[in-house]
Protein backbone atom coordinates (compact mmCIF):
# COMPACT_ATOMS: atom_id res chain seq x y z
CA MET A 1 8.31 8.34 -4.10
CA ALA A 2 9.60 9.69 -7.42
CA GLU A 3 13.17 10.56 -8.30
CA GLY A 4 14.57 13.20 -10.64
CA ASP A 5 15.50 12.67 -14.26
CA SER A 6 18.27 13.83 -16.59
CA ALA A 7 17.76 15.73 -19.88
CA GLU A 8 17.22 12.46 -21.78
CA LYS A 9 13.59 11.92 -22.81
CA LYS A 10 12.01 9.55 -20.34
CA SER A 11 8.58 8.43 -19.26
CA SER A 12 6.90 6.74 -16.33
CA PRO A 13 7.76 3.04 -15.87
CA ILE A 14 4.13 2.28 -15.02
CA LYS A 15 2.22 1.26 -18.14
CA MET A 16 -1.02 0.11 -16.48
CA LYS A 17 -2.52 3.04 -14.63
CA PRO A 18 -3.67 2.39 -11.04
CA LEU A 19 -7.36 2.26 -10.27
CA ARG A 20 -8.91 5.38 -8.83
CA ASP A 21 -9.30 6.00 -5.13
CA PRO A 22 -12.64 6.77 -3.43
CA GLY A 23 -13.50 10.45 -3.84
CA GLN A 24 -10.60 11.07 -6.24
CA SER A 25 -12.79 12.89 -8.78
CA LEU A 26 -14.18 15.18 -6.11
CA GLN A 27 -10.67 15.80 -4.77
CA GLY A 28 -9.53 16.77 -8.25
CA ARG A 29 -12.48 19.11 -8.69
CA LEU A 30 -11.80 20.65 -5.28
CA ASP A 31 -8.12 21.23 -6.13
CA ASP A 32 -9.03 22.79 -9.49
CA HIS A 33 -11.62 24.97 -7.81
CA LEU A 34 -9.20 26.21 -5.16
CA TYR A 35 -6.33 26.90 -7.54
CA ASP A 36 -8.19 28.16 -10.62
CA LYS A 37 -11.02 30.09 -9.01
CA VAL A 38 -9.92 31.00 -5.50
CA LEU A 39 -6.18 31.55 -5.80
CA SER A 40 -6.33 33.32 -9.18
CA TRP A 41 -9.00 35.78 -8.02
CA ALA A 42 -7.17 36.34 -4.74
CA LEU A 43 -4.05 37.31 -6.68
CA ILE A 44 -6.05 39.62 -8.94
CA ALA A 45 -7.61 41.29 -5.89
CA LEU A 46 -4.21 41.67 -4.23
CA LEU A 47 -2.67 43.23 -7.35
CA SER A 48 -5.61 45.61 -7.62
CA VAL A 49 -5.12 46.78 -4.03
CA VAL A 50 -1.36 47.18 -4.55
CA TRP A 51 -1.89 49.13 -7.76
CA ALA A 52 -4.44 51.43 -6.10
CA GLY A 53 -2.11 51.95 -3.16
CA LEU A 54 0.74 52.95 -5.48
CA GLU A 55 -1.51 55.41 -7.31
CA TRP A 56 -2.52 57.05 -4.02
CA TYR A 57 1.12 57.07 -2.88
CA PHE A 58 2.26 58.96 -5.99
CA TYR A 59 -0.77 61.26 -5.86
CA LEU A 60 -0.42 62.30 -2.23
CA LEU A 61 3.37 62.78 -2.34
CA LYS A 62 3.25 64.38 -5.80
CA ILE A 63 5.97 62.03 -7.05
CA PRO A 64 6.50 62.04 -10.84
CA ARG A 65 5.72 58.74 -12.57
CA SER A 66 8.62 56.57 -13.76
CA PRO A 67 7.39 53.92 -16.26
CA ILE A 68 10.92 52.81 -17.10
CA LEU A 69 11.66 51.86 -13.49
CA PHE A 70 8.39 49.98 -13.16
CA SER A 71 8.97 48.22 -16.47
CA LEU A 72 12.41 47.06 -15.36
CA CYS A 73 10.95 45.81 -12.09
CA ALA A 74 8.18 44.01 -13.98
CA VAL A 75 10.70 42.32 -16.29
CA ALA A 76 12.74 41.16 -13.29
CA VAL A 77 9.66 39.84 -11.50
CA VAL A 78 8.41 38.02 -14.61
CA TRP A 79 11.84 36.47 -15.20
CA ILE A 80 12.01 35.21 -11.61
CA ALA A 81 8.41 33.98 -11.82
CA VAL A 82 9.12 32.01 -15.01
CA ILE A 83 12.08 30.28 -13.35
CA LYS A 84 10.06 29.50 -10.23
CA ILE A 85 7.06 28.24 -12.22
CA ARG A 86 9.20 25.98 -14.41
CA LYS A 87 10.86 24.51 -11.34
CA ALA A 88 7.50 24.08 -9.63
CA ARG A 89 6.06 22.33 -12.70
CA SER A 90 9.01 19.93 -12.79
CA GLU A 91 8.65 19.18 -9.09
CA ALA A 92 4.89 18.75 -9.50
CA ALA A 93 5.45 16.25 -12.32
CA GLN A 94 7.79 14.22 -10.11
CA LEU A 95 5.29 14.33 -7.26
CA ARG A 96 2.48 13.18 -9.56
CA GLN A 97 4.64 10.30 -10.79
CA GLY A 98 5.49 9.38 -7.22
CA ILE A 99 1.82 9.42 -6.23
CA GLU A 100 0.96 7.27 -9.23
CA GLY A 101 3.69 4.78 -8.36
CA GLU A 102 2.63 4.49 -4.72
CA ARG A 103 -1.01 4.01 -5.72
CA TYR A 104 -0.04 1.38 -8.27
CA VAL A 105 2.10 -0.53 -5.77
CA GLY A 106 -0.52 -0.04 -3.07
CA GLN A 107 -3.19 -1.62 -5.23
CA PHE A 108 -0.90 -4.52 -6.03
CA LEU A 109 -0.25 -5.07 -2.31
CA GLU A 110 -3.97 -4.90 -1.59
CA SER A 111 -4.42 -7.91 -3.89
CA LEU A 112 -2.28 -9.93 -1.45
CA ARG A 113 -5.01 -9.76 1.19
CA ALA A 114 -6.46 -12.86 -0.46
CA ASP A 115 -3.28 -14.69 0.62
CA GLY A 116 -3.66 -13.67 4.26
CA TYR A 117 -1.67 -10.41 4.20
CA GLN A 118 -2.56 -7.10 5.83
CA VAL A 119 -1.38 -3.82 4.31
CA LEU A 120 -0.85 -0.32 5.70
CA HIS A 121 0.06 2.63 3.50
CA ASP A 122 1.82 5.95 3.99
CA ILE A 123 2.79 5.75 7.66
CA GLU A 124 3.97 9.23 8.59
CA GLU A 125 6.88 9.59 10.97
CA ASP A 126 8.89 12.65 11.98
CA GLY A 127 10.32 14.08 8.76
CA TYR A 128 9.64 11.05 6.56
CA ASN A 129 7.06 8.45 5.70
CA ILE A 130 7.00 4.68 5.26
CA ASP A 131 5.30 3.99 1.93
CA HIS A 132 3.86 0.55 2.72
CA VAL A 133 4.00 -2.12 5.41
CA LEU A 134 3.02 -5.67 4.42
CA ILE A 135 2.22 -8.16 7.18
CA GLY A 136 1.41 -11.77 6.43
CA PRO A 137 2.19 -15.44 6.94
CA THR A 138 5.77 -14.98 5.71
CA GLY A 139 6.61 -12.03 7.95
CA VAL A 140 6.62 -8.24 8.12
CA PHE A 141 7.96 -6.12 5.25
CA ALA A 142 8.66 -2.38 5.09
CA ILE A 143 8.40 -1.34 1.45
CA GLU A 144 9.93 1.80 -0.03
CA THR A 145 8.55 2.56 -3.50
CA LYS A 146 10.87 4.23 -6.01
CA THR A 147 9.05 5.42 -9.13
CA VAL A 148 11.83 6.36 -11.55
CA SER A 149 11.28 7.41 -15.16
CA LYS A 150 12.67 5.11 -17.84
CA PRO A 151 14.30 6.03 -21.20
CA ASP A 152 11.85 5.90 -24.10
CA ASN A 153 14.30 4.80 -26.79
CA ARG A 154 16.32 2.02 -25.16
CA ASP A 155 16.27 -0.70 -22.53
CA ALA A 156 17.34 0.15 -19.00
CA GLU A 157 17.60 -1.84 -15.81
CA ILE A 158 18.33 -1.77 -12.10
CA LEU A 159 21.56 -3.43 -10.94
CA TYR A 160 21.82 -4.61 -7.33
CA ASP A 161 24.95 -6.23 -5.90
CA GLY A 162 23.83 -6.43 -2.27
CA GLU A 163 25.72 -3.27 -1.31
CA LYS A 164 24.46 -0.62 -3.72
CA ILE A 165 21.84 0.05 -6.37
CA GLU A 166 22.51 1.45 -9.83
CA VAL A 167 19.58 2.86 -11.78
CA ASP A 168 20.39 2.80 -15.49
CA GLY A 169 24.09 3.00 -14.61
CA HIS A 170 23.74 5.80 -12.04
CA LEU A 171 23.76 5.82 -8.26
CA PRO A 172 20.61 7.42 -6.77
CA ASP A 173 21.01 10.76 -5.02
CA ARG A 174 19.76 9.20 -1.79
CA ASP A 175 20.73 5.68 -0.82
CA PRO A 176 17.46 3.70 -1.01
CA LEU A 177 19.02 0.77 0.85
CA LYS A 178 19.75 2.85 3.95
CA GLN A 179 16.34 4.44 3.64
CA ALA A 180 14.53 1.09 3.51
CA GLU A 181 16.67 -0.31 6.32
CA ALA A 182 15.85 2.66 8.57
CA GLU A 183 12.14 2.33 7.81
CA ALA A 184 12.19 -1.40 8.62
CA LYS A 185 13.95 -0.65 11.91
CA ARG A 186 11.28 1.91 12.76
CA VAL A 187 8.46 -0.57 12.04
CA GLN A 188 10.22 -3.08 14.27
CA GLU A 189 10.48 -0.48 17.05
CA ILE A 190 6.77 0.37 16.85
CA ILE A 191 5.74 -3.28 17.11
CA GLN A 192 8.17 -3.93 19.96
CA GLN A 193 7.04 -0.85 21.90
CA ARG A 194 3.39 -1.89 21.69
CA THR A 195 3.68 -5.67 22.01
CA GLY A 196 7.01 -6.32 23.76
CA GLN A 197 8.00 -8.62 20.90
CA LYS A 198 11.00 -8.03 18.64
CA VAL A 199 9.74 -9.13 15.24
CA PRO A 200 12.08 -9.27 12.23
CA VAL A 201 11.08 -6.73 9.57
CA ARG A 202 12.40 -7.17 6.04
CA PRO A 203 13.43 -3.94 4.21
CA VAL A 204 12.21 -3.87 0.60
CA VAL A 205 12.99 -1.38 -2.17
CA LEU A 206 10.44 -1.73 -4.96
CA TYR A 207 10.95 -0.25 -8.44
CA PRO A 208 7.62 -0.62 -10.27
CA GLY A 209 7.94 -1.31 -13.99
CA TRP A 210 11.72 -1.85 -13.98
CA PHE A 211 13.73 -4.98 -14.62
CA VAL A 212 15.94 -5.67 -11.59
CA ARG A 213 19.16 -7.62 -12.15
CA ARG A 214 20.68 -9.01 -8.96
CA ARG A 215 24.35 -9.88 -8.56
CA CYS A 216 23.97 -11.33 -5.07
CA ARG A 217 22.26 -14.25 -3.41
CA SER A 218 19.93 -14.08 -0.39
CA PRO A 219 20.31 -10.32 0.20
CA LYS A 220 19.27 -8.85 3.52
CA ILE A 221 17.41 -6.08 1.70
CA TRP A 222 15.18 -7.04 -1.18
CA VAL A 223 15.34 -4.92 -4.33
CA VAL A 224 12.52 -6.01 -6.60
CA ASN A 225 9.76 -5.01 -8.96
CA GLU A 226 6.14 -5.85 -8.22
CA ASN A 227 6.26 -9.21 -10.02
CA HIS A 228 9.43 -10.32 -8.25
CA LEU A 229 7.94 -9.41 -4.88
CA GLN A 230 5.10 -11.87 -5.36
CA ALA A 231 7.54 -14.64 -6.32
CA TRP A 232 9.88 -13.94 -3.39
CA LEU A 233 6.99 -13.93 -0.93
CA ASP A 234 5.84 -17.30 -2.26
CA HIS A 235 9.26 -18.79 -1.49
CA GLU A 236 9.50 -17.44 2.06
CA PRO A 237 8.81 -19.86 4.94
CA MET A 238 5.68 -19.37 7.02
CA SER A 239 6.64 -17.52 10.19
CA LEU A 240 3.51 -15.78 11.51
CA SER A 241 0.16 -17.14 12.57
CA ASP A 242 -3.10 -15.47 11.58
CA ALA A 243 -3.38 -14.11 15.10
CA ASP A 244 0.13 -12.59 14.84
CA VAL A 245 -0.73 -10.96 11.51
CA GLN A 246 -3.89 -9.39 12.92
CA ARG A 247 -2.14 -8.25 16.09
CA TYR A 248 0.81 -6.56 14.37
CA ALA A 249 -1.45 -4.92 11.79
CA SER A 250 -3.67 -3.66 14.59
CA VAL A 251 -0.85 -2.12 16.63
CA LEU A 252 0.54 -0.39 13.54
CA ALA A 253 -2.91 0.94 12.69
CA ASP A 254 -3.25 2.23 16.27
CA HIS A 255 0.13 3.92 15.92
CA VAL A 256 -1.00 5.67 12.73
CA ARG A 257 -4.22 6.86 14.38
CA SER A 258 -2.35 8.16 17.43
CA LYS A 259 0.02 10.12 15.18
CA GLU A 260 -2.98 11.60 13.38
CA ARG A 261 -4.60 12.61 16.65
CA THR A 262 -1.37 14.27 17.81
CA ARG A 263 -0.96 16.09 14.51
CA PHE A 264 -4.46 17.59 14.55
CA SER A 265 -4.76 18.24 18.29
């Protein structure tokens, strides 16, 4: 997910854009069609009906027209609309950056399939989602992606001391360590409920494109960028067989499908 930025000029930490997803062009065309052609004309039609209704209201009740009152109302509405639109554009930019970051990380994780890993993305739970789950020979990992903009005119880094994370000298609004830990616990619960086995799940907070400086050794929660994750996985001992990997990936996939069936039933 993406996080907010201060007034300082910043840009996305991801320099290499992720590859496109299947049907992404059609999805973009569909979104443009709905917003530009459907929503805009619906608003025009609604305004036309409202305007006609007001004209009939004044005509039937013989109420004198008051352009000053309507002008003041229009100014107030436009002022509120500008504020709402600016806020919506800022939120949309953060969402787009978050989507880009999750796609970028997701594609990186997909490359680990060659090393015997299975990957699941965007597991929706009640009120939150788990960005990625990586299952392979070295264990099970719940990965929370944090796509944070970086300053354009200076170097910046993530500091991690084992207890807290500082992003360019600032504490995040939400504690990503607690978030990742809760997500790992939930993945562990799902596997245990469906297999009867309590499998350790490593919480991971991944900041794509950032340099992460650690001031601790062997932390319970990994805080890494995409390159560090590969190196840390390579140094982990083998703990799961191929059969275990397939089984845990299968039960998580079944969980996702059951949630989808419940949501749309």
